[in-house]
Amino acid sequence: MQATLFDDTANQAKSASLMRIIDAINSRMGQGSVTIAASGIQHRWAMRRDRKSPSYTTDWNELPVAV
């Protein structure tokens, strides 16, 4: 890391300590358990479509057929 004129060494030490703690939590609980807000949010979930109700009112192909 390149230092600048206005660097605060106390803040750098706190930041390094925080990153070690985050790394320790992530190694114990799984990667991505704890992240920094600036890294963005990625949704790793998807809707469970196996329990989706039929679209009787919006899809002609899903209409029940009376025989």
PDB file of N, CA and C in Angstrom:
ATOM      1  N   MET A   1       0.847  -1.171   0.000  1.00  0.00           N
ATOM      2  CA  MET A   1       0.000   0.000   0.000  1.00  0.00           C
ATOM      3  C   MET A   1       0.897   1.239   0.000  1.00  0.00           C
ATOM      4  N   GLN A   2       0.579   2.158  -0.868  1.00  0.00           N
ATOM      5  CA  GLN A   2       1.378   3.368  -0.957  1.00  0.00           C
ATOM      6  C   GLN A   2       0.815   4.406   0.006  1.00  0.00           C
ATOM      7  N   ALA A   3       1.665   4.979   0.814  1.00  0.00           N
ATOM      8  CA  ALA A   3       1.249   5.984   1.789  1.00  0.00           C
ATOM      9  C   ALA A   3       1.106   7.343   1.121  1.00  0.00           C
ATOM     10  N   THR A   4       0.244   8.176   1.701  1.00  0.00           N
ATOM     11  CA  THR A   4       0.090   9.554   1.234  1.00  0.00           C
ATOM     12  C   THR A   4       0.425  10.490   2.383  1.00  0.00           C
ATOM     13  N   LEU A   5       0.394  11.761   2.115  1.00  0.00           N
ATOM     14  CA  LEU A   5       0.734  12.761   3.113  1.00  0.00           C
ATOM     15  C   LEU A   5      -0.250  12.757   4.281  1.00  0.00           C
ATOM     16  N   PHE A   6      -1.516  12.433   4.021  1.00  0.00           N
ATOM     17  CA  PHE A   6      -2.554  12.529   5.041  1.00  0.00           C
ATOM     18  C   PHE A   6      -2.944  11.181   5.644  1.00  0.00           C
ATOM     19  N   ASP A   7      -2.143  10.141   5.458  1.00  0.00           N
ATOM     20  CA  ASP A   7      -2.448   8.832   6.032  1.00  0.00           C
ATOM     21  C   ASP A   7      -2.388   8.875   7.548  1.00  0.00           C
ATOM     22  N   ASP A   8      -3.300   8.162   8.155  1.00  0.00           N
ATOM     23  CA  ASP A   8      -3.331   8.027   9.607  1.00  0.00           C
ATOM     24  C   ASP A   8      -2.957   6.586   9.939  1.00  0.00           C
ATOM     25  N   THR A   9      -1.824   6.397  10.564  1.00  0.00           N
ATOM     26  CA  THR A   9      -1.341   5.041  10.839  1.00  0.00           C
ATOM     27  C   THR A   9      -2.247   4.307  11.823  1.00  0.00           C
ATOM     28  N   ALA A  10      -2.910   5.025  12.717  1.00  0.00           N
ATOM     29  CA  ALA A  10      -3.824   4.380  13.667  1.00  0.00           C
ATOM     30  C   ALA A  10      -5.016   3.775  12.924  1.00  0.00           C
ATOM     31  N   ASN A  11      -5.551   4.510  11.953  1.00  0.00           N
ATOM     32  CA  ASN A  11      -6.678   3.994  11.169  1.00  0.00           C
ATOM     33  C   ASN A  11      -6.255   2.802  10.311  1.00  0.00           C
ATOM     34  N   GLN A  12      -5.029   2.823   9.791  1.00  0.00           N
ATOM     35  CA  GLN A  12      -4.541   1.701   8.999  1.00  0.00           C
ATOM     36  C   GLN A  12      -4.429   0.448   9.851  1.00  0.00           C
ATOM     37  N   ALA A  13      -3.990   0.591  11.094  1.00  0.00           N
ATOM     38  CA  ALA A  13      -3.872  -0.555  11.998  1.00  0.00           C
ATOM     39  C   ALA A  13      -5.258  -1.115  12.323  1.00  0.00           C
ATOM     40  N   LYS A  14      -6.234  -0.229  12.559  1.00  0.00           N
ATOM     41  CA  LYS A  14      -7.610  -0.669  12.837  1.00  0.00           C
ATOM     42  C   LYS A  14      -8.192  -1.387  11.622  1.00  0.00           C
ATOM     43  N   SER A  15      -7.926  -0.848  10.454  1.00  0.00           N
ATOM     44  CA  SER A  15      -8.445  -1.448   9.233  1.00  0.00           C
ATOM     45  C   SER A  15      -7.850  -2.840   9.006  1.00  0.00           C
ATOM     46  N   ALA A  16      -6.562  -2.977   9.234  1.00  0.00           N
ATOM     47  CA  ALA A  16      -5.911  -4.279   9.067  1.00  0.00           C
ATOM     48  C   ALA A  16      -6.453  -5.283  10.075  1.00  0.00           C
ATOM     49  N   SER A  17      -6.688  -4.836  11.291  1.00  0.00           N
ATOM     50  CA  SER A  17      -7.254  -5.708  12.326  1.00  0.00           C
ATOM     51  C   SER A  17      -8.665  -6.134  11.951  1.00  0.00           C
ATOM     52  N   LEU A  18      -9.454  -5.202  11.466  1.00  0.00           N
ATOM     53  CA  LEU A  18     -10.823  -5.517  11.042  1.00  0.00           C
ATOM     54  C   LEU A  18     -10.829  -6.527   9.904  1.00  0.00           C
ATOM     55  N   MET A  19      -9.934  -6.358   8.944  1.00  0.00           N
ATOM     56  CA  MET A  19      -9.874  -7.290   7.817  1.00  0.00           C
ATOM     57  C   MET A  19      -9.467  -8.691   8.268  1.00  0.00           C
ATOM     58  N   ARG A  20      -8.561  -8.794   9.247  1.00  0.00           N
ATOM     59  CA  ARG A  20      -8.197 -10.106   9.796  1.00  0.00           C
ATOM     60  C   ARG A  20      -9.399 -10.764  10.469  1.00  0.00           C
ATOM     61  N   ILE A  21     -10.195  -9.987  11.192  1.00  0.00           N
ATOM     62  CA  ILE A  21     -11.387 -10.528  11.861  1.00  0.00           C
ATOM     63  C   ILE A  21     -12.405 -10.995  10.832  1.00  0.00           C
ATOM     64  N   ILE A  22     -12.636 -10.190   9.802  1.00  0.00           N
ATOM     65  CA  ILE A  22     -13.583 -10.574   8.741  1.00  0.00           C
ATOM     66  C   ILE A  22     -13.110 -11.845   8.051  1.00  0.00           C
ATOM     67  N   ASP A  23     -11.818 -11.941   7.770  1.00  0.00           N
ATOM     68  CA  ASP A  23     -11.268 -13.145   7.143  1.00  0.00           C
ATOM     69  C   ASP A  23     -11.440 -14.364   8.039  1.00  0.00           C
ATOM     70  N   ALA A  24     -11.246 -14.180   9.341  1.00  0.00           N
ATOM     71  CA  ALA A  24     -11.404 -15.295  10.275  1.00  0.00           C
ATOM     72  C   ALA A  24     -12.855 -15.775  10.319  1.00  0.00           C
ATOM     73  N   ILE A  25     -13.797 -14.837  10.350  1.00  0.00           N
ATOM     74  CA  ILE A  25     -15.216 -15.213  10.356  1.00  0.00           C
ATOM     75  C   ILE A  25     -15.581 -15.931   9.066  1.00  0.00           C
ATOM     76  N   ASN A  26     -15.119 -15.400   7.943  1.00  0.00           N
ATOM     77  CA  ASN A  26     -15.442 -16.019   6.658  1.00  0.00           C
ATOM     78  C   ASN A  26     -14.813 -17.399   6.516  1.00  0.00           C
ATOM     79  N   SER A  27     -13.631 -17.600   7.072  1.00  0.00           N
ATOM     80  CA  SER A  27     -13.025 -18.929   6.974  1.00  0.00           C
ATOM     81  C   SER A  27     -13.765 -19.925   7.863  1.00  0.00           C
ATOM     82  N   ARG A  28     -14.319 -19.457   8.949  1.00  0.00           N
ATOM     83  CA  ARG A  28     -15.031 -20.347   9.866  1.00  0.00           C
ATOM     84  C   ARG A  28     -16.473 -20.600   9.409  1.00  0.00           C
ATOM     85  N   MET A  29     -17.174 -19.569   8.956  1.00  0.00           N
ATOM     86  CA  MET A  29     -18.594 -19.667   8.623  1.00  0.00           C
ATOM     87  C   MET A  29     -18.886 -19.847   7.131  1.00  0.00           C
ATOM     88  N   GLY A  30     -17.882 -19.689   6.300  1.00  0.00           N
ATOM     89  CA  GLY A  30     -18.086 -19.818   4.861  1.00  0.00           C
ATOM     90  C   GLY A  30     -17.825 -18.507   4.161  1.00  0.00           C
ATOM     91  N   GLN A  31     -17.289 -18.625   2.966  1.00  0.00           N
ATOM     92  CA  GLN A  31     -16.924 -17.436   2.197  1.00  0.00           C
ATOM     93  C   GLN A  31     -18.147 -16.571   1.926  1.00  0.00           C
ATOM     94  N   GLY A  32     -18.016 -15.273   2.154  1.00  0.00           N
ATOM     95  CA  GLY A  32     -19.105 -14.347   1.891  1.00  0.00           C
ATOM     96  C   GLY A  32     -20.064 -14.181   3.052  1.00  0.00           C
ATOM     97  N   SER A  33     -19.792 -14.801   4.198  1.00  0.00           N
ATOM     98  CA  SER A  33     -20.669 -14.634   5.357  1.00  0.00           C
ATOM     99  C   SER A  33     -20.680 -13.186   5.827  1.00  0.00           C
ATOM    100  N   VAL A  34     -19.510 -12.576   5.847  1.00  0.00           N
ATOM    101  CA  VAL A  34     -19.381 -11.168   6.221  1.00  0.00           C
ATOM    102  C   VAL A  34     -18.684 -10.457   5.072  1.00  0.00           C
ATOM    103  N   THR A  35     -19.287  -9.370   4.611  1.00  0.00           N
ATOM    104  CA  THR A  35     -18.686  -8.586   3.534  1.00  0.00           C
ATOM    105  C   THR A  35     -18.720  -7.111   3.890  1.00  0.00           C
ATOM    106  N   ILE A  36     -17.997  -6.332   3.138  1.00  0.00           N
ATOM    107  CA  ILE A  36     -18.003  -4.887   3.303  1.00  0.00           C
ATOM    108  C   ILE A  36     -19.110  -4.334   2.414  1.00  0.00           C
ATOM    109  N   ALA A  37     -19.865  -3.381   2.923  1.00  0.00           N
ATOM    110  CA  ALA A  37     -21.008  -2.840   2.185  1.00  0.00           C
ATOM    111  C   ALA A  37     -20.597  -2.265   0.826  1.00  0.00           C
ATOM    112  N   ALA A  38     -19.419  -1.712   0.715  1.00  0.00           N
ATOM    113  CA  ALA A  38     -18.970  -1.115  -0.537  1.00  0.00           C
ATOM    114  C   ALA A  38     -18.727  -2.160  -1.627  1.00  0.00           C
ATOM    115  N   SER A  39     -18.668  -3.442  -1.243  1.00  0.00           N
ATOM    116  CA  SER A  39     -18.407  -4.484  -2.242  1.00  0.00           C
ATOM    117  C   SER A  39     -19.654  -4.824  -3.054  1.00  0.00           C
ATOM    118  N   GLY A  40     -20.803  -4.309  -2.659  1.00  0.00           N
ATOM    119  CA  GLY A  40     -22.028  -4.552  -3.403  1.00  0.00           C
ATOM    120  C   GLY A  40     -22.798  -5.735  -2.858  1.00  0.00           C
ATOM    121  N   ILE A  41     -24.000  -5.873  -3.346  1.00  0.00           N
ATOM    122  CA  ILE A  41     -24.872  -6.955  -2.901  1.00  0.00           C
ATOM    123  C   ILE A  41     -25.152  -7.867  -4.086  1.00  0.00           C
ATOM    124  N   GLN A  42     -24.893  -9.142  -3.895  1.00  0.00           N
ATOM    125  CA  GLN A  42     -25.193 -10.123  -4.932  1.00  0.00           C
ATOM    126  C   GLN A  42     -26.164 -11.127  -4.344  1.00  0.00           C
ATOM    127  N   HIS A  43     -27.294 -11.299  -5.018  1.00  0.00           N
ATOM    128  CA  HIS A  43     -28.276 -12.259  -4.538  1.00  0.00           C
ATOM    129  C   HIS A  43     -27.879 -13.644  -5.023  1.00  0.00           C
ATOM    130  N   ARG A  44     -27.683 -14.557  -4.075  1.00  0.00           N
ATOM    131  CA  ARG A  44     -27.314 -15.918  -4.431  1.00  0.00           C
ATOM    132  C   ARG A  44     -28.489 -16.862  -4.300  1.00  0.00           C
ATOM    133  N   TRP A  45     -29.675 -16.328  -4.284  1.00  0.00           N
ATOM    134  CA  TRP A  45     -30.850 -17.161  -4.130  1.00  0.00           C
ATOM    135  C   TRP A  45     -31.704 -17.047  -5.382  1.00  0.00           C
ATOM    136  N   ALA A  46     -32.570 -17.963  -5.549  1.00  0.00           N
ATOM    137  CA  ALA A  46     -33.511 -17.935  -6.664  1.00  0.00           C
ATOM    138  C   ALA A  46     -34.848 -18.478  -6.167  1.00  0.00           C
ATOM    139  N   MET A  47     -35.901 -18.080  -6.839  1.00  0.00           N
ATOM    140  CA  MET A  47     -37.225 -18.530  -6.453  1.00  0.00           C
ATOM    141  C   MET A  47     -37.344 -20.038  -6.667  1.00  0.00           C
ATOM    142  N   ARG A  48     -37.993 -20.728  -5.746  1.00  0.00           N
ATOM    143  CA  ARG A  48     -38.238 -22.160  -5.905  1.00  0.00           C
ATOM    144  C   ARG A  48     -39.447 -22.341  -6.808  1.00  0.00           C
ATOM    145  N   ARG A  49     -39.199 -22.663  -8.041  1.00  0.00           N
ATOM    146  CA  ARG A  49     -40.273 -22.757  -9.023  1.00  0.00           C
ATOM    147  C   ARG A  49     -41.043 -24.069  -8.954  1.00  0.00           C
ATOM    148  N   ASP A  50     -40.542 -25.041  -8.184  1.00  0.00           N
ATOM    149  CA  ASP A  50     -41.253 -26.307  -8.097  1.00  0.00           C
ATOM    150  C   ASP A  50     -42.555 -26.170  -7.308  1.00  0.00           C
ATOM    151  N   ARG A  51     -42.703 -25.091  -6.527  1.00  0.00           N
ATOM    152  CA  ARG A  51     -43.924 -24.874  -5.757  1.00  0.00           C
ATOM    153  C   ARG A  51     -44.764 -23.728  -6.314  1.00  0.00           C
ATOM    154  N   LYS A  52     -44.433 -23.279  -7.503  1.00  0.00           N
ATOM    155  CA  LYS A  52     -45.153 -22.179  -8.147  1.00  0.00           C
ATOM    156  C   LYS A  52     -46.532 -22.648  -8.576  1.00  0.00           C
ATOM    157  N   SER A  53     -47.540 -21.827  -8.303  1.00  0.00           N
ATOM    158  CA  SER A  53     -48.897 -22.191  -8.710  1.00  0.00           C
ATOM    159  C   SER A  53     -49.066 -21.963 -10.220  1.00  0.00           C
ATOM    160  N   PRO A  54     -49.953 -22.700 -10.852  1.00  0.00           N
ATOM    161  CA  PRO A  54     -50.185 -22.508 -12.288  1.00  0.00           C
ATOM    162  C   PRO A  54     -50.711 -21.102 -12.581  1.00  0.00           C
ATOM    163  N   SER A  55     -50.396 -20.610 -13.755  1.00  0.00           N
ATOM    164  CA  SER A  55     -50.807 -19.253 -14.150  1.00  0.00           C
ATOM    165  C   SER A  55     -52.082 -19.331 -14.983  1.00  0.00           C
ATOM    166  N   TYR A  56     -53.155 -19.793 -14.372  1.00  0.00           N
ATOM    167  CA  TYR A  56     -54.413 -19.977 -15.095  1.00  0.00           C
ATOM    168  C   TYR A  56     -54.934 -18.691 -15.713  1.00  0.00           C
ATOM    169  N   THR A  57     -54.695 -17.572 -15.074  1.00  0.00           N
ATOM    170  CA  THR A  57     -55.276 -16.320 -15.573  1.00  0.00           C
ATOM    171  C   THR A  57     -54.370 -15.570 -16.536  1.00  0.00           C
ATOM    172  N   THR A  58     -53.129 -16.002 -16.704  1.00  0.00           N
ATOM    173  CA  THR A  58     -52.215 -15.253 -17.561  1.00  0.00           C
ATOM    174  C   THR A  58     -51.576 -16.081 -18.670  1.00  0.00           C
ATOM    175  N   ASP A  59     -51.764 -17.392 -18.672  1.00  0.00           N
ATOM    176  CA  ASP A  59     -51.125 -18.234 -19.672  1.00  0.00           C
ATOM    177  C   ASP A  59     -52.142 -19.237 -20.217  1.00  0.00           C
ATOM    178  N   TRP A  60     -52.480 -19.099 -21.514  1.00  0.00           N
ATOM    179  CA  TRP A  60     -53.465 -19.983 -22.137  1.00  0.00           C
ATOM    180  C   TRP A  60     -53.060 -21.444 -22.075  1.00  0.00           C
ATOM    181  N   ASN A  61     -51.766 -21.701 -22.155  1.00  0.00           N
ATOM    182  CA  ASN A  61     -51.280 -23.076 -22.174  1.00  0.00           C
ATOM    183  C   ASN A  61     -51.409 -23.776 -20.816  1.00  0.00           C
ATOM    184  N   GLU A  62     -51.628 -23.025 -19.752  1.00  0.00           N
ATOM    185  CA  GLU A  62     -51.764 -23.619 -18.434  1.00  0.00           C
ATOM    186  C   GLU A  62     -53.220 -23.765 -17.980  1.00  0.00           C
ATOM    187  N   LEU A  63     -54.154 -23.460 -18.861  1.00  0.00           N
ATOM    188  CA  LEU A  63     -55.572 -23.639 -18.521  1.00  0.00           C
ATOM    189  C   LEU A  63     -55.895 -25.113 -18.401  1.00  0.00           C
ATOM    190  N   PRO A  64     -56.658 -25.513 -17.377  1.00  0.00           N
ATOM    191  CA  PRO A  64     -57.053 -26.910 -17.278  1.00  0.00           C
ATOM    192  C   PRO A  64     -58.023 -27.270 -18.393  1.00  0.00           C
ATOM    193  N   VAL A  65     -57.955 -28.511 -18.851  1.00  0.00           N
ATOM    194  CA  VAL A  65     -58.812 -28.982 -19.928  1.00  0.00           C
ATOM    195  C   VAL A  65     -59.838 -29.934 -19.337  1.00  0.00           C
ATOM    196  N   ALA A  66     -61.133 -29.645 -19.580  1.00  0.00           N
ATOM    197  CA  ALA A  66     -62.212 -30.526 -19.123  1.00  0.00           C
ATOM    198  C   ALA A  66     -62.482 -31.546 -20.216  1.00  0.00           C
ATOM    199  N   VAL A  67     -62.465 -32.794 -19.868  1.00  0.00           N
ATOM    200  CA  VAL A  67     -62.670 -33.857 -20.855  1.00  0.00           C
ATOM    201  C   VAL A  67     -63.992 -34.536 -20.640  1.00  0.00           C
TER     202      VAL A  67
END
